[in-house]
């Protein structure tokens, strides 16, 4: 097949568009990207494709161009991985993307999903949300790990607890009280440091905060951590999340702690971590900080889980979706073809 791809810029575009089509190239398919790193749709360039995969784009110019492709017989697949109708009010993006605005965005994305031959998403919770909006053909494909990301481990003193927490996690920090638990840990264990990417917990001491780190550099940061945390409040927005944060922690050799909410509720020690009740964060962190043997054992389990969570493990599911949308039978490929890979990535290279 010849597969085109168009995405809305952002870190999630890797999981839901760029990495899936890269896996198709490894299976021997041709991949054609948009005209430039902004993801502009070049109709003439994409018209040679059997199918074009679209991540999140709902703007009118994009769908005007996609309509031209549809009329030329190109199959369209559409993906979305967020539920902005339930964006928590603590999010700094709430005014732009939450409430009534979030509902409007959802309705436009549902219209795009109905137009597509197949709609893909990350969770059954999101799939059900779109079913209620009249979307019929839905395929749930989990987020997975790309094989080409460098994940070096960095030697360091003491123990580092890390949290990758985009701005919407401000609600989780406010509702769970992770700040208080971490302050207690820092007070009890002088060899512990905390590193937060995104949300600023404003801890009293030994805390590094980076407001924003390019997606391509996050794995490098995690290489200097020992424990990854993923607190999630029991909020409707979190029920539709994916488990990719824990997979990323696992791939970087970290033991992890997470809330038993949404995508994490069925995970545990076999995947390299433990689930923590809202009032149990100090005790759970204290136990892992004090026991290096437990951290190592969990990290070993995490590595095995990460290896089983590579995107090539689910590539056949993406391939089946694209073949269905293209109206072509799935022909298994040994990956020995010579694909034409013309995907232009965002500015930073991995």
Protein backbone atom coordinates (compact mmCIF):
# COMPACT_ATOMS: atom_id res chain seq x y z
CA UNK A 1 0.00 0.00 0.00
CA UNK A 2 0.89 3.64 -0.31
CA UNK A 3 -0.07 5.33 2.96
CA UNK A 4 -0.29 9.07 3.50
CA UNK A 5 -0.23 10.75 6.91
CA UNK A 6 -1.34 14.14 8.23
CA UNK A 7 -1.16 15.21 11.85
CA UNK A 8 -1.85 18.00 14.27
CA UNK A 9 1.57 18.95 15.70
CA UNK A 10 2.30 17.77 19.22
CA UNK A 11 3.89 14.92 21.13
CA UNK A 12 0.87 12.64 20.74
CA UNK A 13 1.28 12.78 16.96
CA UNK A 14 4.21 10.41 17.35
CA UNK A 15 2.10 7.73 19.04
CA UNK A 16 -0.98 8.10 16.84
CA UNK A 17 0.41 9.01 13.41
CA UNK A 18 4.17 9.21 12.86
CA UNK A 19 5.24 6.01 14.62
CA UNK A 20 2.35 3.92 13.22
CA UNK A 21 3.26 4.85 9.63
CA UNK A 22 6.93 4.30 10.34
CA UNK A 23 5.98 0.77 11.38
CA UNK A 24 4.18 0.43 8.05
CA UNK A 25 7.38 1.42 6.23
CA UNK A 26 9.23 -1.30 8.13
CA UNK A 27 6.60 -3.75 6.84
CA UNK A 28 7.37 -2.77 3.27
CA UNK A 29 4.70 -0.16 2.51
CA UNK A 30 5.34 3.23 0.93
CA UNK A 31 4.65 6.19 3.22
CA UNK A 32 3.96 9.72 2.01
CA UNK A 33 3.98 12.64 4.43
CA UNK A 34 2.51 16.14 4.30
CA UNK A 35 4.22 18.99 2.50
CA UNK A 36 6.09 20.39 5.50
CA UNK A 37 6.55 20.11 9.24
CA UNK A 38 3.35 22.09 9.90
CA UNK A 39 1.37 19.21 8.45
CA UNK A 40 -0.16 21.18 5.56
CA UNK A 41 -2.14 18.95 3.25
CA UNK A 42 -0.77 18.70 -0.27
CA UNK A 43 -3.68 17.20 -2.23
CA UNK A 44 -1.67 16.41 -5.34
CA UNK A 45 1.06 14.74 -3.35
CA UNK A 46 -1.35 12.60 -1.32
CA UNK A 47 -3.66 11.76 -4.23
CA UNK A 48 -1.35 8.88 -5.20
CA UNK A 49 -2.06 7.19 -1.84
CA UNK A 50 -4.40 4.28 -1.21
CA UNK A 51 -5.23 5.66 2.23
CA UNK A 52 -4.44 8.80 4.24
CA UNK A 53 -4.30 8.65 8.02
CA UNK A 54 -5.29 11.87 9.83
CA UNK A 55 -4.53 12.64 13.47
CA UNK A 56 -6.80 15.19 15.19
CA UNK A 57 -7.12 17.64 12.30
CA UNK A 58 -10.59 19.19 12.34
CA UNK A 59 -9.96 22.59 10.72
CA UNK A 60 -12.03 23.46 7.68
CA UNK A 61 -9.13 23.83 5.18
CA UNK A 62 -7.86 20.36 6.09
CA UNK A 63 -11.21 18.69 5.56
CA UNK A 64 -11.78 20.57 2.35
CA UNK A 65 -8.52 19.07 1.09
CA UNK A 66 -9.40 15.63 2.48
CA UNK A 67 -12.76 15.85 0.72
CA UNK A 68 -10.90 16.29 -2.57
CA UNK A 69 -8.88 13.18 -1.78
CA UNK A 70 -12.05 11.22 -0.95
CA UNK A 71 -13.56 12.19 -4.30
CA UNK A 72 -10.46 10.78 -5.97
CA UNK A 73 -11.04 7.46 -4.23
CA UNK A 74 -8.48 7.80 -1.43
CA UNK A 75 -9.55 6.10 1.80
CA UNK A 76 -9.40 8.22 4.97
CA UNK A 77 -8.74 7.03 8.51
CA UNK A 78 -9.06 9.41 11.44
CA UNK A 79 -7.62 9.27 14.98
CA UNK A 80 -8.22 11.19 18.18
CA UNK A 81 -6.92 10.33 21.64
CA UNK A 82 -8.38 12.97 23.96
CA UNK A 83 -11.75 13.79 25.51
CA UNK A 84 -11.82 17.56 25.89
CA UNK A 85 -15.48 17.51 26.93
CA UNK A 86 -14.22 16.42 30.37
CA UNK A 87 -11.14 18.62 30.62
CA UNK A 88 -10.76 19.58 34.32
CA UNK A 89 -11.27 23.21 35.21
CA UNK A 90 -7.83 23.39 36.84
CA UNK A 91 -6.24 22.95 33.41
CA UNK A 92 -4.70 26.16 32.04
CA UNK A 93 -6.19 25.19 28.67
CA UNK A 94 -9.74 25.03 30.01
CA UNK A 95 -10.76 28.44 28.68
CA UNK A 96 -9.65 27.49 25.16
CA UNK A 97 -10.49 23.80 25.06
CA UNK A 98 -12.77 22.94 27.99
CA UNK A 99 -16.46 23.30 28.79
CA UNK A 100 -18.65 24.40 25.89
CA UNK A 101 -15.58 24.88 23.70
CA UNK A 102 -14.48 21.32 24.42
CA UNK A 103 -17.92 20.05 23.45
CA UNK A 104 -17.71 21.96 20.17
CA UNK A 105 -14.27 20.49 19.44
CA UNK A 106 -15.57 17.01 20.19
CA UNK A 107 -18.55 17.40 17.88
CA UNK A 108 -16.27 18.51 15.05
CA UNK A 109 -13.93 15.58 15.66
CA UNK A 110 -16.93 13.21 15.75
CA UNK A 111 -17.99 14.56 12.36
CA UNK A 112 -14.50 13.83 11.07
CA UNK A 113 -14.62 10.34 12.58
CA UNK A 114 -17.98 9.64 10.90
CA UNK A 115 -16.62 10.72 7.54
CA UNK A 116 -13.58 8.47 7.83
CA UNK A 117 -13.80 4.87 6.73
CA UNK A 118 -12.26 3.81 10.04
CA UNK A 119 -11.83 5.80 13.25
CA UNK A 120 -8.98 4.77 15.54
CA UNK A 121 -8.48 5.67 19.18
CA UNK A 122 -6.58 4.61 22.29
CA UNK A 123 -9.18 3.33 24.73
CA UNK A 124 -12.56 1.68 24.95
CA UNK A 125 -13.79 4.64 27.01
CA UNK A 126 -13.05 7.02 24.13
CA UNK A 127 -14.48 4.58 21.61
CA UNK A 128 -17.77 4.50 23.51
CA UNK A 129 -17.83 8.29 23.65
CA UNK A 130 -17.59 8.41 19.86
CA UNK A 131 -20.17 5.65 19.43
CA UNK A 132 -22.68 7.84 21.25
CA UNK A 133 -21.95 10.50 18.60
CA UNK A 134 -22.83 8.12 15.79
CA UNK A 135 -19.41 6.82 14.81
CA UNK A 136 -19.83 3.21 13.71
CA UNK A 137 -16.50 1.81 12.54
CA UNK A 138 -14.04 2.16 15.42
CA UNK A 139 -10.81 0.32 16.11
CA UNK A 140 -9.11 0.62 19.51
CA UNK A 141 -5.33 0.37 19.15
CA UNK A 142 -3.21 1.10 22.23
CA UNK A 143 -0.31 3.52 22.27
CA UNK A 144 2.99 1.74 21.90
CA UNK A 145 6.72 2.39 22.07
CA UNK A 146 8.84 3.32 19.07
CA UNK A 147 11.99 1.22 18.56
CA UNK A 148 14.26 4.06 17.46
CA UNK A 149 14.40 6.21 20.60
CA UNK A 150 17.70 6.34 22.50
CA UNK A 151 17.12 5.60 26.19
CA UNK A 152 20.51 5.96 27.89
CA UNK A 153 20.81 5.52 31.65
CA UNK A 154 22.72 8.29 33.44
CA UNK A 155 24.81 7.64 36.52
CA UNK A 156 23.87 9.91 39.40
CA UNK A 157 24.07 10.26 43.15
CA UNK A 158 21.13 9.43 45.37
CA UNK A 159 17.63 8.59 44.18
CA UNK A 160 15.61 10.66 41.72
CA UNK A 161 11.82 10.58 41.57
CA UNK A 162 10.43 11.90 38.29
CA UNK A 163 7.05 12.93 36.95
CA UNK A 164 6.21 13.78 33.34
CA UNK A 165 3.10 15.86 33.85
CA UNK A 166 1.67 18.06 31.12
CA UNK A 167 -0.29 21.09 32.24
CA UNK A 168 -3.63 19.28 32.53
CA UNK A 169 -2.07 17.28 35.37
CA UNK A 170 -2.35 20.39 37.51
CA UNK A 171 -5.77 19.01 38.48
CA UNK A 172 -4.22 15.73 39.61
CA UNK A 173 -1.64 17.54 41.73
CA UNK A 174 -4.36 19.64 43.34
CA UNK A 175 -6.78 16.78 44.03
CA UNK A 176 -4.39 14.06 45.20
CA UNK A 177 -1.91 15.98 47.32
CA UNK A 178 1.23 14.53 45.77
CA UNK A 179 3.12 17.70 46.73
CA UNK A 180 2.70 17.00 50.45
CA UNK A 181 3.83 13.39 50.04
CA UNK A 182 6.94 14.40 48.12
CA UNK A 183 7.80 17.10 50.66
CA UNK A 184 7.65 14.43 53.38
CA UNK A 185 9.91 12.15 51.37
CA UNK A 186 12.44 14.93 50.83
CA UNK A 187 12.42 15.74 54.53
CA UNK A 188 12.98 12.10 55.53
CA UNK A 189 15.50 11.10 52.83
CA UNK A 190 18.30 13.63 52.22
CA UNK A 191 19.58 11.59 49.25
CA UNK A 192 16.31 11.96 47.31
CA UNK A 193 15.69 14.54 44.59
CA UNK A 194 12.57 15.24 42.50
CA UNK A 195 12.39 16.21 38.83
CA UNK A 196 9.09 17.42 37.35
CA UNK A 197 8.46 18.11 33.69
CA UNK A 198 5.37 20.26 33.17
CA UNK A 199 3.53 20.90 36.42
CA UNK A 200 5.49 22.91 39.00
CA UNK A 201 4.92 21.35 42.42
CA UNK A 202 6.93 24.12 44.12
CA UNK A 203 8.56 21.72 46.55
CA UNK A 204 10.57 23.13 49.42
CA UNK A 205 13.93 21.69 48.40
CA UNK A 206 15.90 19.51 45.97
CA UNK A 207 13.39 19.78 43.14
CA UNK A 208 14.18 20.44 39.50
CA UNK A 209 11.31 21.80 37.42
CA UNK A 210 11.24 22.13 33.65
CA UNK A 211 8.14 23.75 32.25
CA UNK A 212 8.49 22.14 28.84
CA UNK A 213 10.83 19.57 27.33
CA UNK A 214 10.60 18.61 23.64
CA UNK A 215 9.17 15.13 23.19
CA UNK A 216 12.37 13.93 21.57
CA UNK A 217 14.36 14.79 24.72
CA UNK A 218 12.07 13.36 27.39
CA UNK A 219 13.56 9.85 27.28
CA UNK A 220 16.97 11.35 27.95
CA UNK A 221 15.65 13.08 31.05
CA UNK A 222 14.08 9.87 32.35
CA UNK A 223 17.43 8.14 32.02
CA UNK A 224 18.50 10.01 35.15
CA UNK A 225 15.53 8.87 37.24
CA UNK A 226 15.00 5.86 39.51
CA UNK A 227 11.25 6.03 40.16
CA UNK A 228 8.55 7.37 37.85
CA UNK A 229 5.22 8.52 39.27
CA UNK A 230 1.83 8.87 37.60
CA UNK A 231 -0.79 10.21 40.02
CA UNK A 232 -4.24 10.49 38.43
CA UNK A 233 -7.35 11.85 40.11
CA UNK A 234 -10.58 9.90 39.71
CA UNK A 235 -11.94 12.35 37.15
CA UNK A 236 -13.83 11.57 33.89
CA UNK A 237 -11.06 13.12 31.80
CA UNK A 238 -8.56 10.58 33.12
CA UNK A 239 -10.74 7.58 32.33
CA UNK A 240 -9.97 7.95 28.64
CA UNK A 241 -6.20 8.30 28.96
CA UNK A 242 -3.73 5.70 27.67
CA UNK A 243 -1.06 3.86 29.65
CA UNK A 244 1.82 5.16 27.51
CA UNK A 245 3.39 7.18 30.34
CA UNK A 246 4.00 4.00 32.33
CA UNK A 247 5.30 2.24 29.22
CA UNK A 248 7.77 5.09 28.69
CA UNK A 249 8.89 4.86 32.32
CA UNK A 250 9.26 1.09 31.92
CA UNK A 251 11.29 1.44 28.73
CA UNK A 252 13.65 3.82 30.55
CA UNK A 253 14.35 1.27 33.29
CA UNK A 254 12.22 2.81 36.03
CA UNK A 255 10.11 1.27 38.72
CA UNK A 256 6.84 3.21 38.74
CA UNK A 257 3.97 4.16 41.04
CA UNK A 258 0.55 5.11 39.68
CA UNK A 259 -3.04 5.74 40.71
CA UNK A 260 -5.54 2.89 40.20
CA UNK A 261 -7.50 5.02 37.74
CA UNK A 262 -8.38 4.71 34.06
CA UNK A 263 -5.65 3.00 32.01
CA UNK A 264 -3.59 2.05 35.06
CA UNK A 265 -6.20 0.20 37.09
CA UNK A 266 -5.26 -3.30 35.87
CA UNK A 267 -1.48 -2.82 35.96
CA UNK A 268 0.91 -3.72 38.75
CA UNK A 269 4.14 -5.48 39.67
CA UNK A 270 4.15 -7.67 36.57
CA UNK A 271 4.44 -4.45 34.54
CA UNK A 272 7.07 -2.96 36.82
CA UNK A 273 5.17 -0.91 39.38
CA UNK A 274 2.52 -0.57 42.04
CA UNK A 275 -0.84 1.12 42.31
CA UNK A 276 -1.26 3.73 45.04
CA UNK A 277 -4.41 5.04 46.71
CA UNK A 278 -4.74 8.81 47.00
CA UNK A 279 -3.77 8.74 50.68
CA UNK A 280 -0.93 6.23 50.26
CA UNK A 281 1.67 8.11 48.27
CA UNK A 282 4.11 8.81 51.11
CA UNK A 283 4.12 5.18 52.25
CA UNK A 284 4.52 3.80 48.72
CA UNK A 285 7.35 6.19 47.87
CA UNK A 286 9.04 5.65 51.23
CA UNK A 287 9.05 1.88 50.67
CA UNK A 288 10.58 2.11 47.19
CA UNK A 289 13.13 4.73 48.17
CA UNK A 290 14.31 2.58 51.09
CA UNK A 291 14.52 -0.70 49.19
CA UNK A 292 16.92 -0.82 46.25
CA UNK A 293 16.28 -4.53 45.73
CA UNK A 294 12.56 -3.91 45.19
CA UNK A 295 13.33 -1.09 42.76
CA UNK A 296 15.63 -3.35 40.75
CA UNK A 297 13.10 -6.21 40.68
CA UNK A 298 10.33 -3.90 39.50
CA UNK A 299 12.61 -2.31 36.91
CA UNK A 300 13.37 -5.76 35.49
CA UNK A 301 9.65 -6.49 35.18
CA UNK A 302 9.19 -3.08 33.59
CA UNK A 303 11.81 -3.83 30.95
CA UNK A 304 10.01 -7.04 29.97
CA UNK A 305 6.69 -5.21 29.71
CA UNK A 306 8.24 -2.46 27.61
CA UNK A 307 9.71 -5.02 25.22
CA UNK A 308 6.23 -6.48 24.75
CA UNK A 309 4.79 -2.99 24.20
CA UNK A 310 6.76 -2.05 21.09
CA UNK A 311 4.73 -0.61 18.24
CA UNK A 312 5.79 -3.39 15.90
CA UNK A 313 3.78 -5.72 18.15
CA UNK A 314 0.59 -3.92 17.08
CA UNK A 315 1.67 -2.93 13.57
CA UNK A 316 -0.49 -5.68 12.06
CA UNK A 317 -3.54 -3.99 13.58
CA UNK A 318 -2.68 -0.63 12.02
CA UNK A 319 -2.00 -2.43 8.74
CA UNK A 320 -5.43 -4.07 8.83
CA UNK A 321 -7.11 -0.70 9.45
CA UNK A 322 -5.29 0.95 6.57
CA UNK A 323 -6.03 -1.97 4.23
CA UNK A 324 -9.72 -1.86 5.15
CA UNK A 325 -9.91 1.88 4.49
CA UNK A 326 -8.07 1.41 1.19
CA UNK A 327 -10.43 -1.40 0.19
CA UNK A 328 -7.53 -3.78 -0.23
CA UNK A 329 -6.82 -7.21 1.27
CA UNK A 330 -4.15 -7.40 3.96
CA UNK A 331 -1.07 -8.97 2.44
CA UNK A 332 1.44 -9.80 5.20
CA UNK A 333 4.82 -8.32 4.44
CA UNK A 334 8.14 -9.69 5.70
CA UNK A 335 9.37 -6.12 5.97
CA UNK A 336 11.99 -6.73 3.32
CA UNK A 337 10.59 -4.28 0.81
CA UNK A 338 12.25 -1.03 -0.12
CA UNK A 339 9.71 1.55 1.07
CA UNK A 340 9.71 5.16 -0.02
CA UNK A 341 9.65 7.00 3.31
CA UNK A 342 8.83 10.67 2.84
CA UNK A 343 7.45 11.63 6.24
CA UNK A 344 8.62 15.06 7.36
CA UNK A 345 8.84 15.18 11.14
CA UNK A 346 8.46 18.13 13.51
CA UNK A 347 11.49 20.38 13.87
CA UNK A 348 13.41 18.38 16.49
CA UNK A 349 14.83 15.05 15.37
CA UNK A 350 14.77 11.98 17.55
